[in-house]
Amino acid sequence: MLQDLRDSNSSKFQVSEFILMGFPGIHSWQHWLSLPLALLYLLALSANILILIIIYQEATLHQPMYHFLGILAVVDMGLTTTIMPKILAILWFSAKAISLPECFVQMYVIHCFVGMESGIFVCMAIDRYVAICRPLHYPSIITESFVVKSTVFMALRNSLSTTLVPVLAAQRHYCSQNQIEHCLCSNLGVTSLSCDDRTINSIYQLVLAWTLMGSDLGVIVLSYALILHSVLKLNSAEAASKALSTCTSHLILILFFYTVIIVISITHTAAMTVPLVPVLLNVLHNVIPPALNPMVYALKNKELRQGFYKVLKLNIKDNNA
């Protein structure tokens, strides 16, 4: 009877805050990870700010393709800034406590930005498809209005569809444990602490992943399959090479983005045996692409490189395509 009374009291108790423990299994030396993570964060901010400056100052870059790249830069900075300051505070100052409302807000913003990044990749794939497969119709289809409307659509889609993630998480009852073996408030990491059934949370997370990420990836794969089909029909090898070169940077970023998401999903099932792997991948997935995206574009895009040289006042002749 005494045990039943204790269980009853425990079930009525609601924790007031969560404790983000950091990287599971390496708590004693996880602070050493702060240096590379801080450098990646600074690189992501500086590189994306530089991309925005280049696009703004260079009149030749005032085109839909570069507008999407600028939007991607803003999304990337928003994503890294949502998580990195808290992660660095955990590693440097052991500031592990986070209130429930703060945690649910972070959960929502992360889902929004990740979904938005996926959506921008879709817009970029459509842009390249029209440019290569329907070049005569490109000026009439991919207009400034298209950029604005597609960006607003993606923003509304992600902000509305992900609302239920923190709402459902907030409806769970957290009565006993409040220590999260993670650096950020992931949906599955938080709801795993709940004392009641969290099946609805897992189902919605799965449905959201398949409907948003799955549909985005399907459109991207279809777009690049059609691009490849169109390029292979070109008689000139030089023209085919030039057409494909404009897609290379997109494909590198897209492959990295979705591959890591798939790997995270697979390794999450092994979290009980190797809990560090999905946590580390989750953190790196939110900081490496924002740092990597501008560099890949700068290396693979001649116009962007030339704009970079002009902004930095470098008198360098660029003969690469």
Protein backbone atom coordinates (compact mmCIF):
# COMPACT_ATOMS: atom_id res chain seq x y z
CA MET A 1 0.00 0.00 0.00
CA LEU A 2 2.87 2.32 0.88
CA GLN A 3 4.46 1.57 -2.49
CA ASP A 4 1.18 2.34 -4.27
CA LEU A 5 1.00 5.68 -2.45
CA ARG A 6 4.55 6.54 -3.52
CA ASP A 7 3.77 5.63 -7.11
CA SER A 8 0.66 7.78 -6.99
CA ASN A 9 2.57 10.78 -5.63
CA SER A 10 5.29 10.29 -8.23
CA SER A 11 2.77 10.20 -11.06
CA LYS A 12 1.26 13.52 -9.93
CA PHE A 13 4.63 15.26 -9.77
CA GLN A 14 5.60 17.29 -12.84
CA VAL A 15 9.24 18.22 -13.39
CA SER A 16 9.87 21.96 -13.85
CA GLU A 17 12.97 21.67 -16.03
CA PHE A 18 15.03 19.25 -18.07
CA ILE A 19 18.76 18.63 -17.71
CA LEU A 20 20.63 18.29 -20.99
CA MET A 21 23.50 15.96 -20.09
CA GLY A 22 25.40 16.40 -23.37
CA PHE A 23 27.05 13.56 -25.24
CA PRO A 24 26.23 10.21 -23.61
CA GLY A 25 29.16 8.08 -22.49
CA ILE A 26 31.78 10.84 -22.73
CA HIS A 27 30.60 13.32 -20.09
CA SER A 28 34.04 13.47 -18.44
CA TRP A 29 35.80 14.80 -21.54
CA GLN A 30 32.98 16.14 -23.73
CA HIS A 31 34.19 19.71 -23.08
CA TRP A 32 37.02 19.06 -25.55
CA LEU A 33 34.40 18.90 -28.31
CA SER A 34 33.56 22.55 -27.67
CA LEU A 35 36.51 23.84 -29.70
CA PRO A 36 35.69 22.10 -33.03
CA LEU A 37 31.98 22.79 -32.53
CA ALA A 38 32.62 26.49 -31.81
CA LEU A 39 34.85 26.73 -34.89
CA LEU A 40 32.17 25.07 -37.03
CA TYR A 41 29.57 27.51 -35.66
CA LEU A 42 31.76 30.55 -36.40
CA LEU A 43 32.52 29.17 -39.87
CA ALA A 44 28.82 28.63 -40.56
CA LEU A 45 27.92 32.18 -39.50
CA SER A 46 30.81 33.92 -41.28
CA ALA A 47 30.53 31.87 -44.50
CA ASN A 48 26.76 32.37 -44.81
CA ILE A 49 27.00 36.09 -44.01
CA LEU A 50 29.67 36.37 -46.72
CA ILE A 51 27.39 34.55 -49.19
CA LEU A 52 24.59 37.04 -48.43
CA ILE A 53 26.95 40.00 -48.89
CA ILE A 54 28.23 38.65 -52.21
CA ILE A 55 24.72 38.02 -53.55
CA TYR A 56 23.56 41.47 -52.40
CA GLN A 57 26.50 43.39 -53.89
CA GLU A 58 26.87 41.54 -57.20
CA ALA A 59 24.19 42.54 -59.70
CA THR A 60 24.97 39.47 -61.84
CA LEU A 61 23.88 37.25 -58.93
CA HIS A 62 20.41 38.81 -58.68
CA GLN A 63 18.86 35.68 -60.15
CA PRO A 64 16.38 33.13 -58.72
CA MET A 65 19.05 30.45 -58.24
CA TYR A 66 21.10 32.77 -56.03
CA HIS A 67 18.02 34.09 -54.24
CA PHE A 68 17.31 30.51 -53.14
CA LEU A 69 20.94 30.20 -52.05
CA GLY A 70 20.56 33.37 -49.97
CA ILE A 71 17.41 32.01 -48.35
CA LEU A 72 19.27 28.76 -47.62
CA ALA A 73 22.03 30.80 -45.94
CA VAL A 74 19.49 32.52 -43.67
CA VAL A 75 17.89 29.17 -42.78
CA ASP A 76 21.31 27.66 -42.03
CA MET A 77 22.25 30.52 -39.70
CA GLY A 78 18.90 30.22 -37.94
CA LEU A 79 19.32 26.47 -37.45
CA THR A 80 22.85 26.66 -36.02
CA THR A 81 21.97 29.61 -33.77
CA THR A 82 19.00 27.69 -32.39
CA ILE A 83 21.19 24.92 -30.98
CA MET A 84 24.86 25.91 -30.82
CA PRO A 85 24.79 28.61 -28.08
CA LYS A 86 23.06 26.16 -25.70
CA ILE A 87 25.44 23.31 -26.61
CA LEU A 88 28.48 25.53 -26.00
CA ALA A 89 26.97 26.71 -22.71
CA ILE A 90 26.63 23.06 -21.64
CA LEU A 91 30.21 22.24 -22.60
CA TRP A 92 31.83 25.41 -21.25
CA PHE A 93 29.75 26.37 -18.21
CA SER A 94 27.79 23.17 -17.42
CA ALA A 95 24.60 25.20 -18.00
CA LYS A 96 22.59 22.04 -18.51
CA ALA A 97 19.19 23.13 -17.18
CA ILE A 98 16.49 24.17 -19.63
CA SER A 99 12.88 24.97 -18.76
CA LEU A 100 10.08 22.95 -20.32
CA PRO A 101 8.75 25.88 -22.43
CA GLU A 102 12.28 26.67 -23.70
CA CYS A 103 12.82 23.02 -24.57
CA PHE A 104 9.57 22.74 -26.51
CA VAL A 105 10.27 26.01 -28.36
CA GLN A 106 13.72 24.75 -29.35
CA MET A 107 12.16 21.46 -30.51
CA TYR A 108 9.69 23.37 -32.69
CA VAL A 109 12.26 25.74 -34.21
CA ILE A 110 14.66 22.88 -35.07
CA HIS A 111 11.89 21.00 -36.88
CA CYS A 112 10.90 24.18 -38.75
CA PHE A 113 14.41 24.98 -39.93
CA VAL A 114 15.26 21.39 -40.94
CA GLY A 115 12.00 21.19 -42.90
CA MET A 116 12.69 24.60 -44.44
CA GLU A 117 16.15 23.51 -45.57
CA SER A 118 14.63 20.44 -47.21
CA GLY A 119 12.03 22.65 -48.89
CA ILE A 120 14.64 25.04 -50.28
CA PHE A 121 16.52 22.07 -51.75
CA VAL A 122 13.27 21.16 -53.56
CA CYS A 123 12.98 24.70 -54.95
CA MET A 124 16.61 24.55 -56.12
CA ALA A 125 16.02 21.21 -57.82
CA ILE A 126 12.96 22.59 -59.65
CA ASP A 127 14.97 25.66 -60.65
CA ARG A 128 17.72 23.48 -62.18
CA TYR A 129 15.15 21.23 -63.88
CA VAL A 130 13.48 24.16 -65.64
CA ALA A 131 16.85 25.77 -66.50
CA ILE A 132 18.19 22.62 -68.16
CA CYS A 133 15.10 20.81 -69.46
CA ARG A 134 12.92 23.85 -70.31
CA PRO A 135 15.46 26.63 -70.94
CA LEU A 136 13.18 28.68 -73.24
CA HIS A 137 10.48 28.79 -70.58
CA TYR A 138 12.86 29.51 -67.68
CA PRO A 139 12.42 33.33 -67.63
CA SER A 140 8.63 33.01 -67.60
CA ILE A 141 8.44 30.20 -65.00
CA ILE A 142 11.24 30.88 -62.52
CA THR A 143 10.52 34.52 -61.75
CA GLU A 144 10.91 36.72 -58.69
CA SER A 145 7.28 35.98 -57.93
CA PHE A 146 7.99 32.23 -58.05
CA VAL A 147 10.83 32.65 -55.56
CA VAL A 148 8.64 34.61 -53.14
CA LYS A 149 5.60 32.34 -53.46
CA SER A 150 7.57 29.09 -53.12
CA THR A 151 9.49 30.42 -50.10
CA VAL A 152 6.28 31.57 -48.38
CA PHE A 153 4.65 28.22 -49.15
CA MET A 154 7.58 26.29 -47.67
CA ALA A 155 7.64 28.53 -44.59
CA LEU A 156 3.89 28.04 -43.99
CA ARG A 157 4.11 24.31 -44.69
CA ASN A 158 6.86 23.74 -42.17
CA SER A 159 5.64 26.12 -39.47
CA LEU A 160 2.14 24.62 -39.50
CA SER A 161 2.96 20.94 -39.99
CA THR A 162 5.54 20.87 -37.18
CA THR A 163 3.34 22.65 -34.63
CA LEU A 164 1.97 19.36 -33.32
CA VAL A 165 5.47 18.06 -32.46
CA PRO A 166 6.01 20.31 -29.40
CA VAL A 167 2.27 20.41 -28.62
CA LEU A 168 2.09 16.62 -28.32
CA ALA A 169 5.37 16.54 -26.39
CA ALA A 170 4.04 19.15 -23.94
CA GLN A 171 0.95 17.02 -23.30
CA ARG A 172 3.04 14.17 -21.95
CA HIS A 173 3.47 13.87 -18.18
CA TYR A 174 7.07 14.08 -16.95
CA CYS A 175 6.98 12.80 -13.40
CA SER A 176 10.26 11.11 -12.54
CA GLN A 177 13.37 11.52 -14.69
CA ASN A 178 14.35 14.86 -16.16
CA GLN A 179 17.86 14.09 -17.46
CA ILE A 180 18.07 13.99 -21.25
CA GLU A 181 21.08 12.17 -22.70
CA HIS A 182 21.40 14.72 -25.47
CA CYS A 183 22.70 18.22 -26.24
CA LEU A 184 19.40 19.51 -27.58
CA CYS A 185 15.69 18.94 -27.12
CA SER A 186 14.96 16.25 -29.68
CA ASN A 187 11.39 15.00 -29.81
CA LEU A 188 12.18 11.34 -29.15
CA GLY A 189 14.79 12.19 -26.51
CA VAL A 190 12.36 14.34 -24.51
CA THR A 191 9.27 12.17 -24.81
CA SER A 192 11.25 9.06 -23.78
CA LEU A 193 11.21 10.57 -20.26
CA SER A 194 7.42 10.75 -20.07
CA CYS A 195 5.55 8.56 -17.59
CA ASP A 196 2.57 8.00 -19.88
CA ASP A 197 2.11 6.51 -23.33
CA ARG A 198 4.03 8.33 -26.08
CA THR A 199 2.87 6.22 -29.03
CA ILE A 200 1.10 9.19 -30.64
CA ASN A 201 4.36 11.19 -30.54
CA SER A 202 6.33 8.45 -32.28
CA ILE A 203 3.61 7.94 -34.89
CA TYR A 204 3.36 11.66 -35.70
CA GLN A 205 7.16 11.94 -35.93
CA LEU A 206 7.17 9.06 -38.41
CA VAL A 207 4.28 10.48 -40.44
CA LEU A 208 5.93 13.92 -40.51
CA ALA A 209 9.23 12.46 -41.69
CA TRP A 210 7.59 10.48 -44.49
CA THR A 211 5.23 13.23 -45.67
CA LEU A 212 7.68 16.15 -45.54
CA MET A 213 11.15 14.68 -46.04
CA GLY A 214 9.89 11.74 -48.10
CA SER A 215 7.90 13.89 -50.53
CA ASP A 216 10.74 16.44 -50.79
CA LEU A 217 13.28 13.72 -51.54
CA GLY A 218 10.91 12.19 -54.11
CA VAL A 219 10.56 15.51 -55.98
CA ILE A 220 14.34 16.05 -55.87
CA VAL A 221 15.11 12.56 -57.18
CA LEU A 222 12.52 12.96 -59.96
CA SER A 223 13.89 16.39 -60.94
CA TYR A 224 17.48 15.18 -61.21
CA ALA A 225 16.43 11.99 -63.01
CA LEU A 226 14.71 14.13 -65.64
CA ILE A 227 17.76 16.42 -65.79
CA LEU A 228 20.04 13.43 -66.34
CA HIS A 229 17.72 12.04 -69.01
CA SER A 230 17.70 15.41 -70.80
CA VAL A 231 21.48 15.85 -70.55
CA LEU A 232 22.20 12.38 -71.94
CA LYS A 233 20.25 13.29 -75.08
CA LEU A 234 22.56 16.25 -75.81
CA ASN A 235 24.83 15.70 -78.80
CA SER A 236 27.63 17.87 -77.44
CA ALA A 237 29.71 16.42 -74.61
CA GLU A 238 30.81 19.95 -73.67
CA ALA A 239 27.20 21.13 -73.37
CA ALA A 240 26.32 18.08 -71.27
CA SER A 241 29.29 18.67 -68.98
CA LYS A 242 28.38 22.34 -68.55
CA ALA A 243 24.76 21.49 -67.78
CA LEU A 244 25.73 18.89 -65.17
CA SER A 245 28.31 21.20 -63.56
CA THR A 246 25.54 23.58 -62.49
CA CYS A 247 23.90 20.70 -60.59
CA THR A 248 27.00 19.23 -58.94
CA SER A 249 27.02 21.56 -55.92
CA HIS A 250 23.29 20.97 -55.35
CA LEU A 251 23.72 17.20 -55.49
CA ILE A 252 26.65 17.19 -53.04
CA LEU A 253 24.67 19.15 -50.44
CA ILE A 254 21.43 17.21 -50.99
CA LEU A 255 23.15 13.82 -50.73
CA PHE A 256 24.88 14.83 -47.51
CA PHE A 257 21.69 16.30 -45.99
CA TYR A 258 19.42 13.32 -46.65
CA THR A 259 22.06 10.63 -46.11
CA VAL A 260 22.73 11.87 -42.59
CA ILE A 261 18.97 12.01 -41.85
CA ILE A 262 18.61 8.39 -42.97
CA VAL A 263 21.65 7.32 -40.94
CA ILE A 264 20.31 9.11 -37.85
CA SER A 265 16.98 7.30 -38.23
CA ILE A 266 18.73 3.93 -38.51
CA THR A 267 21.20 4.50 -35.65
CA HIS A 268 18.44 5.77 -33.35
CA THR A 269 17.24 2.19 -33.05
CA ALA A 270 20.70 1.30 -31.69
CA ALA A 271 20.66 4.11 -29.11
CA MET A 272 20.46 1.68 -26.20
CA THR A 273 23.75 0.00 -27.16
CA VAL A 274 25.65 2.95 -28.68
CA PRO A 275 23.77 6.09 -27.54
CA LEU A 276 26.59 8.46 -28.55
CA VAL A 277 26.27 7.77 -32.29
CA PRO A 278 22.76 9.17 -32.96
CA VAL A 279 23.35 12.13 -30.61
CA LEU A 280 26.66 13.06 -32.26
CA LEU A 281 25.20 12.64 -35.74
CA ASN A 282 22.19 14.75 -34.80
CA VAL A 283 24.38 17.61 -33.59
CA LEU A 284 26.76 17.41 -36.56
CA HIS A 285 23.84 17.30 -38.99
CA ASN A 286 22.66 20.64 -37.63
CA VAL A 287 26.06 22.36 -37.81
CA ILE A 288 28.10 20.79 -40.66
CA PRO A 289 25.67 21.49 -43.58
CA PRO A 290 25.39 25.22 -42.66
CA ALA A 291 29.20 25.42 -42.65
CA LEU A 292 29.57 23.22 -45.73
CA ASN A 293 26.91 24.71 -48.01
CA PRO A 294 28.61 28.08 -48.75
CA MET A 295 32.01 26.47 -49.34
CA VAL A 296 30.63 23.88 -51.77
CA TYR A 297 28.86 26.58 -53.76
CA ALA A 298 31.91 28.86 -53.73
CA LEU A 299 34.11 26.03 -55.02
CA LYS A 300 31.71 24.80 -57.71
CA ASN A 301 30.17 28.06 -58.97
CA LYS A 302 32.23 30.43 -61.12
CA GLU A 303 29.97 33.49 -60.69
CA LEU A 304 30.00 33.09 -56.92
CA ARG A 305 33.78 32.73 -56.87
CA GLN A 306 34.18 35.89 -58.92
CA GLY A 307 31.86 37.74 -56.56
CA PHE A 308 33.91 36.44 -53.65
CA TYR A 309 37.11 37.79 -55.21
CA LYS A 310 35.49 41.20 -55.78
CA VAL A 311 34.18 41.47 -52.22
CA LEU A 312 37.61 40.61 -50.81
CA LYS A 313 39.31 42.91 -53.37
CA LEU A 314 41.29 40.01 -54.80
CA ASN A 315 42.59 40.48 -58.33
CA ILE A 316 42.41 36.82 -59.38
CA LYS A 317 41.50 35.54 -62.82
CA ASP A 318 39.14 32.56 -62.63
CA ASN A 319 39.20 30.38 -65.72
CA ASN A 320 37.30 27.44 -64.22
CA ALA A 321 33.78 26.75 -65.43
